[in-house]
Amino acid sequence: MPKAIVLTAYGQPDVLEWRDVRMPEPGPGQIRIRVRAAGVGPTDLKIRSGEAPWFASPPDAILGFEVAGVVDALGRNVSGVEVGDEVASLLLGLGGYAEYVVLSSWTPKPQRVAWGDAAALPSAAEAAVGTLKQLQLAGGETLLVLGAAGSVGMVATQLGVFLGATVIGATAPRDHAMVRDVGAVPVSYGSDLVKQVREIVPSVDAVLDAAGRGGLPDAVDLAGGPERVITIADPNAVALNVTFSAGTPARAPEAVDQTMPLLASGALRLRRQRHLPLEKAAEAHRLLESGTVREKFVLDVR
């Protein structure tokens, strides 16, 4: 019988339990995969704690939006994919912390892309591609990314550079070298953020806040207004008339298709990862909430 991490109630990480579950069956237009890796994201923690109850209801919900694995069953009317193919997906619902998952959409995983990278890409790609599209970023413009060393910020920074924009990345000083390595200009968080940016450019055309660390007032100042400022993390957005862009697969349905080839070619870099077995998902949640881990967590399936 297959196993999964089940959300038994809202609460602390120990509400996540490793249990037997029913084998999911693919419907028309769907495939089933044997999961090899599943990504852990900030939204997973909010769902588990009860901060986002609209996503999942205990006692038998399975968390996880990002998966990569091997196709092992096809539903009716499925073409272009075969049993044994390797794929990655941003799930339309939940269910990724499991040995077997049914997918309604998927992207082929190139052989040279590691399982961990394939599972770590989907949510970051969706947020980065989707928000840059909302910002209507164009070549020759200047983009400020707050949180340029995080999972989303790192992808968005590189996509901005690929578009031909000048990208300024706000990070902790320890991450400045990484920001430079991907073609952006680093600045540090702090009370002098505006001063640091204006030493580089008089103003910026657009701002993506991927950190939620209180930098929106500075972002609005630097952009000359809130119209081209987007946050994915700061709940104070409404008070500042800033757009809060919530994660949804509909925001950028082509995001994984667009970014997977860049990952395969080595052009796109992802945040460093830390791996744990799937059955240790509760430990991954504990470590993330401790604030002592800076890597992206990936759950491996034996």
Protein backbone atom coordinates (compact mmCIF):
# COMPACT_ATOMS: atom_id res chain seq x y z
CA MET A 1 0.00 0.00 0.00
CA PRO A 2 1.46 3.40 -0.89
CA LYS A 3 2.34 5.89 1.81
CA ALA A 4 2.07 9.65 2.17
CA ILE A 5 2.52 12.42 4.70
CA VAL A 6 -0.99 13.16 5.98
CA LEU A 7 -2.15 16.37 7.67
CA THR A 8 -4.06 15.00 10.65
CA ALA A 9 -4.99 18.41 12.12
CA TYR A 10 -3.86 22.03 11.99
CA GLY A 11 -0.97 22.76 14.31
CA GLN A 12 2.71 22.14 14.93
CA PRO A 13 4.82 19.96 12.60
CA ASP A 14 3.99 16.80 14.53
CA VAL A 15 0.49 16.87 13.02
CA LEU A 16 2.15 15.53 9.86
CA GLU A 17 2.09 11.73 9.94
CA TRP A 18 3.55 9.04 7.66
CA ARG A 19 0.60 6.79 6.80
CA ASP A 20 -0.77 4.25 4.37
CA VAL A 21 -3.09 5.83 1.79
CA ARG A 22 -5.14 4.63 -1.14
CA MET A 23 -3.45 4.35 -4.50
CA PRO A 24 -4.66 7.34 -6.57
CA GLU A 25 -6.01 6.51 -10.04
CA PRO A 26 -5.60 8.84 -13.03
CA GLY A 27 -8.76 10.05 -14.69
CA PRO A 28 -9.20 11.15 -18.31
CA GLY A 29 -6.33 13.37 -19.42
CA GLN A 30 -4.31 12.59 -16.28
CA ILE A 31 -1.20 10.59 -15.49
CA ARG A 32 0.10 9.02 -12.29
CA ILE A 33 3.74 9.26 -11.23
CA ARG A 34 5.92 7.43 -8.76
CA VAL A 35 7.32 10.43 -6.95
CA ARG A 36 11.08 10.77 -6.67
CA ALA A 37 11.24 14.20 -5.04
CA ALA A 38 8.81 16.78 -3.61
CA GLY A 39 9.48 20.42 -2.86
CA VAL A 40 8.62 22.10 0.44
CA GLY A 41 7.49 25.72 0.27
CA PRO A 42 6.41 28.50 2.67
CA THR A 43 2.75 27.97 1.75
CA ASP A 44 2.97 24.37 2.99
CA LEU A 45 3.87 25.66 6.46
CA LYS A 46 0.96 28.13 6.46
CA ILE A 47 -1.49 25.43 5.43
CA ARG A 48 -0.26 23.05 8.13
CA SER A 49 -0.48 25.69 10.87
CA GLY A 50 -4.02 26.67 9.88
CA GLU A 51 -3.15 30.10 8.46
CA ALA A 52 -4.42 29.07 5.02
CA PRO A 53 -7.27 26.61 5.73
CA TRP A 54 -8.87 27.15 2.29
CA PHE A 55 -6.14 24.99 0.75
CA ALA A 56 -6.63 21.78 2.73
CA SER A 57 -8.77 20.25 5.42
CA PRO A 58 -7.59 17.66 7.96
CA PRO A 59 -7.72 14.86 8.90
CA ASP A 60 -6.61 13.31 5.61
CA ALA A 61 -5.18 16.08 3.42
CA ILE A 62 -1.76 15.65 1.82
CA LEU A 63 0.38 18.77 1.45
CA GLY A 64 2.81 19.67 -1.33
CA PHE A 65 2.53 21.54 -4.63
CA GLU A 66 5.84 20.56 -6.30
CA VAL A 67 6.75 17.07 -7.49
CA ALA A 68 9.02 15.23 -9.89
CA GLY A 69 8.83 11.55 -10.70
CA VAL A 70 8.42 8.69 -13.17
CA VAL A 71 5.16 8.09 -15.04
CA ASP A 72 3.66 4.74 -14.02
CA ALA A 73 0.05 4.94 -15.25
CA LEU A 74 -1.94 6.82 -17.90
CA GLY A 75 -5.57 7.87 -17.87
CA ARG A 76 -7.77 7.85 -20.95
CA ASN A 77 -7.11 10.27 -23.77
CA VAL A 78 -3.51 10.98 -22.75
CA SER A 79 -0.95 11.51 -25.49
CA GLY A 80 2.63 12.71 -25.74
CA VAL A 81 3.79 10.87 -22.64
CA GLU A 82 4.51 7.21 -21.86
CA VAL A 83 5.00 5.02 -18.81
CA GLY A 84 8.62 5.41 -17.75
CA ASP A 85 8.92 9.06 -18.77
CA GLU A 86 10.35 11.50 -16.22
CA VAL A 87 8.29 14.61 -15.50
CA ALA A 88 7.89 17.52 -13.07
CA SER A 89 4.75 19.37 -12.09
CA LEU A 90 3.23 22.23 -10.15
CA LEU A 91 0.09 20.58 -8.84
CA LEU A 92 -3.26 22.23 -9.46
CA GLY A 93 -4.21 21.15 -5.96
CA LEU A 94 -2.21 19.54 -3.18
CA GLY A 95 -0.88 16.01 -2.74
CA GLY A 96 2.85 16.18 -3.39
CA TYR A 97 4.10 14.66 -0.11
CA ALA A 98 3.26 11.17 -1.34
CA GLU A 99 4.80 8.15 -3.03
CA TYR A 100 2.25 8.34 -5.86
CA VAL A 101 0.55 11.45 -7.27
CA VAL A 102 -1.94 12.04 -10.07
CA LEU A 103 -1.10 14.95 -12.38
CA SER A 104 -3.32 16.98 -14.69
CA SER A 105 -0.40 18.96 -16.15
CA TRP A 106 3.30 18.18 -16.37
CA THR A 107 6.60 19.11 -17.97
CA PRO A 108 9.17 16.60 -19.28
CA LYS A 109 12.27 16.40 -17.07
CA PRO A 110 15.48 16.32 -19.11
CA GLN A 111 17.89 13.58 -18.07
CA ARG A 112 20.54 16.09 -17.04
CA VAL A 113 18.22 17.80 -14.53
CA ALA A 114 18.54 16.25 -11.06
CA TRP A 115 15.39 15.09 -9.28
CA GLY A 116 15.89 17.65 -6.53
CA ASP A 117 16.18 20.51 -9.01
CA ALA A 118 13.11 19.33 -10.91
CA ALA A 119 11.08 19.33 -7.69
CA ALA A 120 12.48 22.66 -6.49
CA LEU A 121 11.73 24.54 -9.72
CA PRO A 122 7.92 24.65 -10.18
CA SER A 123 6.71 27.06 -7.48
CA ALA A 124 9.66 29.41 -7.86
CA ALA A 125 9.25 29.43 -11.64
CA GLU A 126 5.51 30.06 -11.43
CA ALA A 127 5.95 33.00 -9.06
CA ALA A 128 8.92 34.50 -10.91
CA VAL A 129 7.48 34.17 -14.42
CA GLY A 130 4.02 35.24 -13.30
CA THR A 131 5.08 38.35 -11.40
CA LEU A 132 7.49 39.55 -14.09
CA LYS A 133 4.64 39.19 -16.57
CA GLN A 134 2.38 41.23 -14.28
CA LEU A 135 5.08 43.88 -14.01
CA GLN A 136 5.40 43.91 -17.82
CA LEU A 137 9.16 44.02 -17.45
CA ALA A 138 11.00 44.80 -20.69
CA GLY A 139 14.59 44.87 -21.81
CA GLY A 140 16.37 48.11 -21.00
CA GLU A 141 14.33 48.70 -17.83
CA THR A 142 15.58 48.51 -14.25
CA LEU A 143 14.15 45.90 -11.86
CA LEU A 144 14.70 45.84 -8.10
CA VAL A 145 14.26 42.41 -6.50
CA LEU A 146 13.86 42.32 -2.73
CA GLY A 147 14.95 38.87 -1.58
CA ALA A 148 17.12 38.11 -4.59
CA ALA A 149 18.77 35.15 -2.83
CA GLY A 150 15.53 33.31 -2.06
CA SER A 151 13.95 30.62 -4.21
CA VAL A 152 11.64 32.98 -6.12
CA GLY A 153 13.94 35.99 -6.04
CA MET A 154 16.87 34.05 -7.47
CA VAL A 155 14.84 32.83 -10.45
CA ALA A 156 13.25 36.26 -11.02
CA THR A 157 16.65 37.95 -10.88
CA GLN A 158 18.04 35.69 -13.58
CA LEU A 159 14.95 35.96 -15.78
CA GLY A 160 15.19 39.75 -15.54
CA VAL A 161 18.82 39.60 -16.63
CA PHE A 162 17.90 37.26 -19.52
CA LEU A 163 15.29 39.83 -20.65
CA GLY A 164 17.98 42.49 -20.87
CA ALA A 165 16.93 44.46 -17.80
CA THR A 166 19.31 45.97 -15.27
CA VAL A 167 18.55 44.00 -12.11
CA ILE A 168 19.40 45.20 -8.61
CA GLY A 169 19.12 42.48 -5.96
CA ALA A 170 18.60 43.26 -2.27
CA THR A 171 20.04 40.52 -0.05
CA ALA A 172 22.08 39.99 3.07
CA PRO A 173 25.77 40.81 2.46
CA ARG A 174 26.68 37.11 2.54
CA ASP A 175 24.72 36.64 -0.71
CA HIS A 176 26.19 39.55 -2.67
CA ALA A 177 28.66 37.35 -4.53
CA MET A 178 25.88 35.08 -5.74
CA VAL A 179 23.85 38.07 -6.98
CA ARG A 180 26.87 39.29 -8.94
CA ASP A 181 27.46 35.81 -10.34
CA VAL A 182 24.04 35.77 -11.99
CA GLY A 183 24.52 39.20 -13.57
CA ALA A 184 22.77 41.50 -11.10
CA VAL A 185 23.95 44.36 -8.88
CA PRO A 186 23.79 43.60 -5.14
CA VAL A 187 22.60 45.95 -2.41
CA SER A 188 21.93 45.25 1.27
CA TYR A 189 18.73 45.35 3.27
CA GLY A 190 18.50 48.15 5.78
CA SER A 191 17.47 51.72 6.44
CA ASP A 192 19.74 53.00 3.66
CA LEU A 193 18.31 50.82 0.89
CA VAL A 194 17.01 53.83 -1.05
CA LYS A 195 20.39 55.53 -0.82
CA GLN A 196 22.21 52.40 -2.02
CA VAL A 197 19.92 51.98 -5.02
CA ARG A 198 20.11 55.66 -5.98
CA GLU A 199 23.88 55.44 -6.03
CA ILE A 200 23.35 52.99 -8.92
CA VAL A 201 20.29 54.49 -10.68
CA PRO A 202 18.07 57.52 -9.96
CA SER A 203 14.95 55.32 -9.86
CA VAL A 204 13.73 51.88 -10.86
CA ASP A 205 11.02 50.90 -13.31
CA ALA A 206 9.64 47.95 -11.37
CA VAL A 207 10.01 46.14 -8.03
CA LEU A 208 9.38 42.54 -7.08
CA ASP A 209 9.30 41.95 -3.33
CA ALA A 210 9.96 38.25 -2.84
CA ALA A 211 11.02 38.63 0.80
CA GLY A 212 8.26 40.37 2.76
CA ARG A 213 10.75 42.04 5.08
CA GLY A 214 9.08 45.45 5.27
CA GLY A 215 10.75 47.01 2.24
CA LEU A 216 7.57 48.07 0.42
CA PRO A 217 7.66 51.78 1.42
CA ASP A 218 11.19 52.02 0.00
CA ALA A 219 10.08 50.09 -3.08
CA VAL A 220 7.22 52.51 -3.75
CA ASP A 221 9.58 55.46 -3.27
CA LEU A 222 12.14 54.07 -5.70
CA ALA A 223 9.52 53.17 -8.31
CA GLY A 224 7.78 56.55 -8.06
CA GLY A 225 4.52 54.97 -6.97
CA PRO A 226 2.91 51.58 -6.35
CA GLU A 227 1.75 50.86 -9.90
CA ARG A 228 4.69 48.61 -10.83
CA VAL A 229 5.46 47.21 -7.39
CA ILE A 230 4.41 43.62 -6.62
CA THR A 231 4.89 41.56 -3.48
CA ILE A 232 4.38 37.86 -2.93
CA ALA A 233 5.08 38.01 0.79
CA ASP A 234 4.20 41.31 2.52
CA PRO A 235 0.71 41.49 4.10
CA ASN A 236 1.00 45.30 4.26
CA ALA A 237 0.55 45.52 0.49
CA VAL A 238 -3.08 46.70 0.61
CA ALA A 239 -2.27 49.64 2.88
CA LEU A 240 0.30 50.84 0.35
CA ASN A 241 -1.84 50.15 -2.76
CA VAL A 242 0.71 47.54 -3.81
CA THR A 243 -0.39 44.43 -5.70
CA PHE A 244 -0.18 41.21 -3.69
CA SER A 245 0.36 38.41 -6.17
CA ALA A 246 -0.86 35.14 -4.70
CA GLY A 247 0.51 31.82 -5.92
CA THR A 248 -1.69 29.93 -8.34
CA PRO A 249 -0.87 27.67 -11.28
CA ALA A 250 -3.09 29.92 -13.43
CA ARG A 251 -0.73 32.87 -12.88
CA ALA A 252 1.85 31.48 -15.29
CA PRO A 253 0.81 28.07 -16.63
CA GLU A 254 3.79 27.93 -18.97
CA ALA A 255 6.34 28.78 -16.27
CA VAL A 256 7.83 25.32 -15.78
CA ASP A 257 7.87 24.66 -19.52
CA GLN A 258 9.70 27.95 -20.02
CA THR A 259 12.30 27.51 -17.30
CA MET A 260 13.06 23.78 -17.41
CA PRO A 261 15.21 24.08 -20.59
CA LEU A 262 17.16 26.93 -18.96
CA LEU A 263 17.77 24.70 -15.95
CA ALA A 264 18.85 21.81 -18.18
CA SER A 265 21.30 24.00 -20.10
CA GLY A 266 22.92 25.32 -16.92
CA ALA A 267 21.81 28.88 -17.69
CA LEU A 268 19.44 28.98 -14.71
CA ARG A 269 20.64 28.42 -11.15
CA LEU A 270 18.44 27.51 -8.20
CA ARG A 271 18.80 28.15 -4.51
CA ARG A 272 20.85 25.57 -2.63
CA GLN A 273 18.87 22.58 -1.38
CA ARG A 274 18.74 20.45 1.73
CA HIS A 275 17.35 16.93 1.32
CA LEU A 276 15.42 14.74 3.75
CA PRO A 277 13.48 11.51 3.22
CA LEU A 278 9.78 12.06 2.54
CA GLU A 279 8.84 10.48 5.85
CA LYS A 280 10.81 13.26 7.61
CA ALA A 281 8.56 16.05 6.29
CA ALA A 282 7.71 17.17 9.82
CA GLU A 283 11.42 17.67 10.51
CA ALA A 284 11.72 19.81 7.38
CA HIS A 285 8.85 21.98 8.63
CA ARG A 286 10.46 22.31 12.07
CA LEU A 287 13.79 23.36 10.62
CA LEU A 288 12.24 25.89 8.25
CA GLU A 289 10.23 27.46 11.05
CA SER A 290 13.32 27.71 13.23
CA GLY A 291 14.75 30.32 10.88
CA THR A 292 18.17 28.64 10.97
CA VAL A 293 18.00 27.05 7.51
CA ARG A 294 18.52 29.05 4.33
CA GLU A 295 18.29 26.22 1.80
CA LYS A 296 15.28 25.00 -0.13
CA PHE A 297 13.99 21.73 1.36
CA VAL A 298 13.39 18.78 -0.94
CA LEU A 299 11.84 15.51 0.26
CA ASP A 300 13.31 12.43 -1.41
CA VAL A 301 11.36 9.24 -2.06
CA ARG A 302 13.31 6.01 -1.98
